[in-house]
Amino acid sequence: MPKSATSPKSFEAAITELEAIVQEMESGNLPLEDSLARYQRGVSLLRYCQGTLSDAEQRVRILEGDTLVDFAAEGFRGDTKEAGE
């Protein structure tokens, strides 16, 4: 995803900034104009995050040959088997 001058450095940076914006807005202490500016920035960050996740999902689909499998269906338990099992 191309980054503009106001794009975050990374997905994680975008999430961190978005969380800070939410906390500021939930405080109820911002003037209307500041609230609108924060809301606009939040929408921009949300779109960035959605695009980044969509790109990552597409890359995984390509790597998996467009055959994503539900881990539960494959018996995935979240742990690894020891050698020899």
N, C-alpha and C. Protein backbone atom coordinates (compact mmCIF):
# COMPACT_ATOMS: atom_id res chain seq x y z
N MET A 1 0.85 -1.17 0.00
CA MET A 1 0.00 0.00 0.00
C MET A 1 0.89 1.23 0.00
N PRO A 2 0.69 2.14 -0.96
CA PRO A 2 1.52 3.33 -1.00
C PRO A 2 1.31 4.20 0.23
N LYS A 3 2.39 4.83 0.69
CA LYS A 3 2.30 5.68 1.87
C LYS A 3 2.37 7.14 1.45
N SER A 4 1.46 7.93 1.94
CA SER A 4 1.51 9.36 1.68
C SER A 4 2.29 10.02 2.82
N ALA A 5 2.41 11.33 2.76
CA ALA A 5 3.17 12.06 3.77
C ALA A 5 2.57 11.89 5.17
N THR A 6 1.26 11.64 5.25
CA THR A 6 0.62 11.50 6.56
C THR A 6 0.35 10.05 6.94
N SER A 7 0.83 9.11 6.13
CA SER A 7 0.62 7.70 6.46
C SER A 7 1.52 7.29 7.61
N PRO A 8 1.05 6.38 8.43
CA PRO A 8 1.88 5.90 9.54
C PRO A 8 3.06 5.08 9.01
N LYS A 9 4.06 4.90 9.86
CA LYS A 9 5.25 4.14 9.48
C LYS A 9 4.94 2.66 9.29
N SER A 10 3.97 2.17 10.06
CA SER A 10 3.65 0.74 10.01
C SER A 10 2.22 0.51 10.48
N PHE A 11 1.76 -0.71 10.30
CA PHE A 11 0.44 -1.10 10.78
C PHE A 11 0.35 -0.90 12.29
N GLU A 12 1.38 -1.32 12.99
CA GLU A 12 1.39 -1.21 14.45
C GLU A 12 1.35 0.26 14.90
N ALA A 13 2.08 1.12 14.18
CA ALA A 13 2.06 2.55 14.50
C ALA A 13 0.67 3.13 14.28
N ALA A 14 0.00 2.67 13.23
CA ALA A 14 -1.36 3.14 12.93
C ALA A 14 -2.33 2.71 14.04
N ILE A 15 -2.22 1.49 14.49
CA ILE A 15 -3.09 0.99 15.57
C ILE A 15 -2.86 1.79 16.84
N THR A 16 -1.59 2.04 17.17
CA THR A 16 -1.26 2.81 18.37
C THR A 16 -1.84 4.21 18.30
N GLU A 17 -1.70 4.86 17.15
CA GLU A 17 -2.23 6.21 16.98
C GLU A 17 -3.76 6.20 17.04
N LEU A 18 -4.36 5.21 16.43
CA LEU A 18 -5.82 5.09 16.44
C LEU A 18 -6.34 4.89 17.86
N GLU A 19 -5.66 4.07 18.65
CA GLU A 19 -6.06 3.88 20.05
C GLU A 19 -5.97 5.18 20.83
N ALA A 20 -4.92 5.96 20.59
CA ALA A 20 -4.76 7.25 21.28
C ALA A 20 -5.88 8.21 20.89
N ILE A 21 -6.25 8.21 19.62
CA ILE A 21 -7.34 9.08 19.16
C ILE A 21 -8.65 8.69 19.84
N VAL A 22 -8.91 7.41 19.93
CA VAL A 22 -10.14 6.94 20.58
C VAL A 22 -10.17 7.39 22.04
N GLN A 23 -9.05 7.25 22.75
CA GLN A 23 -9.00 7.67 24.15
C GLN A 23 -9.25 9.16 24.28
N GLU A 24 -8.65 9.95 23.41
CA GLU A 24 -8.86 11.40 23.44
C GLU A 24 -10.32 11.76 23.22
N MET A 25 -10.92 11.11 22.23
CA MET A 25 -12.30 11.43 21.89
C MET A 25 -13.26 10.96 22.98
N GLU A 26 -12.96 9.82 23.58
CA GLU A 26 -13.82 9.30 24.65
C GLU A 26 -13.74 10.16 25.91
N SER A 27 -12.68 10.90 26.06
CA SER A 27 -12.53 11.74 27.25
C SER A 27 -13.59 12.84 27.29
N GLY A 28 -14.05 13.25 26.11
CA GLY A 28 -15.07 14.28 26.04
C GLY A 28 -14.54 15.68 26.29
N ASN A 29 -13.22 15.85 26.32
CA ASN A 29 -12.62 17.15 26.63
C ASN A 29 -12.15 17.92 25.40
N LEU A 30 -12.36 17.39 24.21
CA LEU A 30 -11.90 18.06 23.00
C LEU A 30 -12.95 19.03 22.48
N PRO A 31 -12.51 20.17 22.00
CA PRO A 31 -13.45 21.08 21.33
C PRO A 31 -13.94 20.43 20.03
N LEU A 32 -15.04 20.91 19.52
CA LEU A 32 -15.67 20.32 18.33
C LEU A 32 -14.69 20.22 17.16
N GLU A 33 -13.99 21.29 16.85
CA GLU A 33 -13.07 21.27 15.71
C GLU A 33 -11.97 20.23 15.88
N ASP A 34 -11.45 20.10 17.09
CA ASP A 34 -10.42 19.10 17.36
C ASP A 34 -11.00 17.69 17.24
N SER A 35 -12.23 17.52 17.72
CA SER A 35 -12.89 16.22 17.61
C SER A 35 -13.07 15.82 16.15
N LEU A 36 -13.48 16.80 15.33
CA LEU A 36 -13.66 16.51 13.90
C LEU A 36 -12.33 16.17 13.23
N ALA A 37 -11.28 16.88 13.60
CA ALA A 37 -9.96 16.60 13.03
C ALA A 37 -9.48 15.21 13.45
N ARG A 38 -9.68 14.86 14.73
CA ARG A 38 -9.28 13.53 15.21
C ARG A 38 -10.10 12.44 14.52
N TYR A 39 -11.40 12.70 14.34
CA TYR A 39 -12.27 11.74 13.68
C TYR A 39 -11.78 11.50 12.25
N GLN A 40 -11.46 12.59 11.54
CA GLN A 40 -10.98 12.47 10.17
C GLN A 40 -9.68 11.67 10.12
N ARG A 41 -8.76 11.95 11.04
CA ARG A 41 -7.51 11.20 11.08
C ARG A 41 -7.77 9.74 11.41
N GLY A 42 -8.71 9.49 12.32
CA GLY A 42 -9.06 8.12 12.67
C GLY A 42 -9.61 7.34 11.48
N VAL A 43 -10.44 7.98 10.68
CA VAL A 43 -10.98 7.33 9.48
C VAL A 43 -9.84 7.00 8.52
N SER A 44 -8.91 7.94 8.36
CA SER A 44 -7.75 7.71 7.50
C SER A 44 -6.91 6.52 8.00
N LEU A 45 -6.69 6.47 9.29
CA LEU A 45 -5.92 5.37 9.88
C LEU A 45 -6.66 4.04 9.72
N LEU A 46 -7.97 4.07 9.92
CA LEU A 46 -8.77 2.86 9.78
C LEU A 46 -8.67 2.32 8.36
N ARG A 47 -8.78 3.20 7.38
CA ARG A 47 -8.67 2.78 5.97
C ARG A 47 -7.28 2.22 5.69
N TYR A 48 -6.26 2.84 6.24
CA TYR A 48 -4.89 2.34 6.09
C TYR A 48 -4.79 0.92 6.66
N CYS A 49 -5.31 0.73 7.86
CA CYS A 49 -5.25 -0.59 8.51
C CYS A 49 -6.04 -1.63 7.72
N GLN A 50 -7.22 -1.27 7.27
CA GLN A 50 -8.03 -2.20 6.48
C GLN A 50 -7.31 -2.59 5.19
N GLY A 51 -6.70 -1.62 4.54
CA GLY A 51 -5.95 -1.90 3.31
C GLY A 51 -4.75 -2.79 3.57
N THR A 52 -4.04 -2.51 4.66
CA THR A 52 -2.88 -3.31 5.02
C THR A 52 -3.29 -4.75 5.31
N LEU A 53 -4.37 -4.93 6.06
CA LEU A 53 -4.85 -6.29 6.35
C LEU A 53 -5.33 -6.99 5.10
N SER A 54 -6.00 -6.27 4.22
CA SER A 54 -6.46 -6.85 2.96
C SER A 54 -5.28 -7.30 2.11
N ASP A 55 -4.24 -6.46 2.04
CA ASP A 55 -3.03 -6.83 1.30
C ASP A 55 -2.39 -8.09 1.89
N ALA A 56 -2.31 -8.14 3.22
CA ALA A 56 -1.71 -9.31 3.88
C ALA A 56 -2.53 -10.57 3.60
N GLU A 57 -3.85 -10.44 3.65
CA GLU A 57 -4.71 -11.59 3.36
C GLU A 57 -4.50 -12.07 1.93
N GLN A 58 -4.40 -11.13 0.99
CA GLN A 58 -4.17 -11.49 -0.40
C GLN A 58 -2.84 -12.22 -0.58
N ARG A 59 -1.82 -11.75 0.12
CA ARG A 59 -0.51 -12.40 0.04
C ARG A 59 -0.57 -13.82 0.59
N VAL A 60 -1.30 -14.00 1.70
CA VAL A 60 -1.45 -15.34 2.27
C VAL A 60 -2.21 -16.24 1.30
N ARG A 61 -3.27 -15.71 0.68
CA ARG A 61 -4.02 -16.50 -0.29
C ARG A 61 -3.13 -16.94 -1.45
N ILE A 62 -2.28 -16.05 -1.93
CA ILE A 62 -1.36 -16.39 -3.01
C ILE A 62 -0.40 -17.48 -2.55
N LEU A 63 0.17 -17.31 -1.35
CA LEU A 63 1.11 -18.30 -0.83
C LEU A 63 0.46 -19.66 -0.60
N GLU A 64 -0.81 -19.64 -0.23
CA GLU A 64 -1.52 -20.88 0.05
C GLU A 64 -2.25 -21.42 -1.19
N GLY A 65 -2.05 -20.79 -2.32
CA GLY A 65 -2.72 -21.25 -3.53
C GLY A 65 -4.22 -21.04 -3.50
N ASP A 66 -4.67 -19.99 -2.80
CA ASP A 66 -6.08 -19.65 -2.67
C ASP A 66 -6.89 -20.77 -2.03
N THR A 67 -6.23 -21.57 -1.19
CA THR A 67 -6.92 -22.64 -0.49
C THR A 67 -6.71 -22.52 1.01
N LEU A 68 -7.12 -21.39 1.57
CA LEU A 68 -7.00 -21.21 3.02
C LEU A 68 -7.81 -22.28 3.73
N VAL A 69 -7.24 -22.84 4.76
CA VAL A 69 -7.87 -23.93 5.49
C VAL A 69 -8.09 -23.49 6.93
N ASP A 70 -9.26 -23.80 7.47
CA ASP A 70 -9.56 -23.52 8.87
C ASP A 70 -8.66 -24.40 9.73
N PHE A 71 -7.89 -23.78 10.64
CA PHE A 71 -6.99 -24.54 11.48
C PHE A 71 -7.72 -25.63 12.26
N ALA A 72 -8.91 -25.35 12.74
CA ALA A 72 -9.67 -26.34 13.51
C ALA A 72 -9.96 -27.57 12.66
N ALA A 73 -10.23 -27.37 11.39
CA ALA A 73 -10.52 -28.49 10.50
C ALA A 73 -9.29 -29.35 10.28
N GLU A 74 -8.13 -28.79 10.43
CA GLU A 74 -6.88 -29.51 10.23
C GLU A 74 -6.34 -30.09 11.54
N GLY A 75 -7.06 -29.92 12.64
CA GLY A 75 -6.60 -30.44 13.92
C GLY A 75 -5.56 -29.57 14.59
N PHE A 76 -5.49 -28.29 14.21
CA PHE A 76 -4.53 -27.38 14.82
C PHE A 76 -4.94 -27.12 16.25
N ARG A 77 -3.96 -27.31 17.18
CA ARG A 77 -4.24 -27.10 18.59
C ARG A 77 -3.48 -25.93 19.16
N GLY A 78 -2.67 -25.26 18.33
CA GLY A 78 -1.91 -24.12 18.85
C GLY A 78 -0.58 -24.51 19.46
N ASP A 79 -0.27 -25.81 19.42
CA ASP A 79 1.04 -26.23 19.93
C ASP A 79 1.71 -27.08 18.85
N THR A 80 2.99 -27.36 19.03
CA THR A 80 3.71 -28.15 18.06
C THR A 80 3.94 -29.54 18.61
N LYS A 81 4.04 -30.50 17.71
CA LYS A 81 4.32 -31.88 18.13
C LYS A 81 5.82 -32.06 18.29
N GLU A 82 6.16 -32.90 19.24
CA GLU A 82 7.56 -33.24 19.45
C GLU A 82 8.01 -34.15 18.33
N ALA A 83 9.30 -34.14 18.02
CA ALA A 83 9.84 -35.03 17.01
C ALA A 83 9.60 -36.46 17.42
N GLY A 84 9.19 -37.29 16.47
CA GLY A 84 8.93 -38.70 16.76
C GLY A 84 7.51 -39.00 17.13
N GLU A 85 6.66 -38.00 17.28
CA GLU A 85 5.25 -38.25 17.62
C GLU A 85 4.47 -38.59 16.38
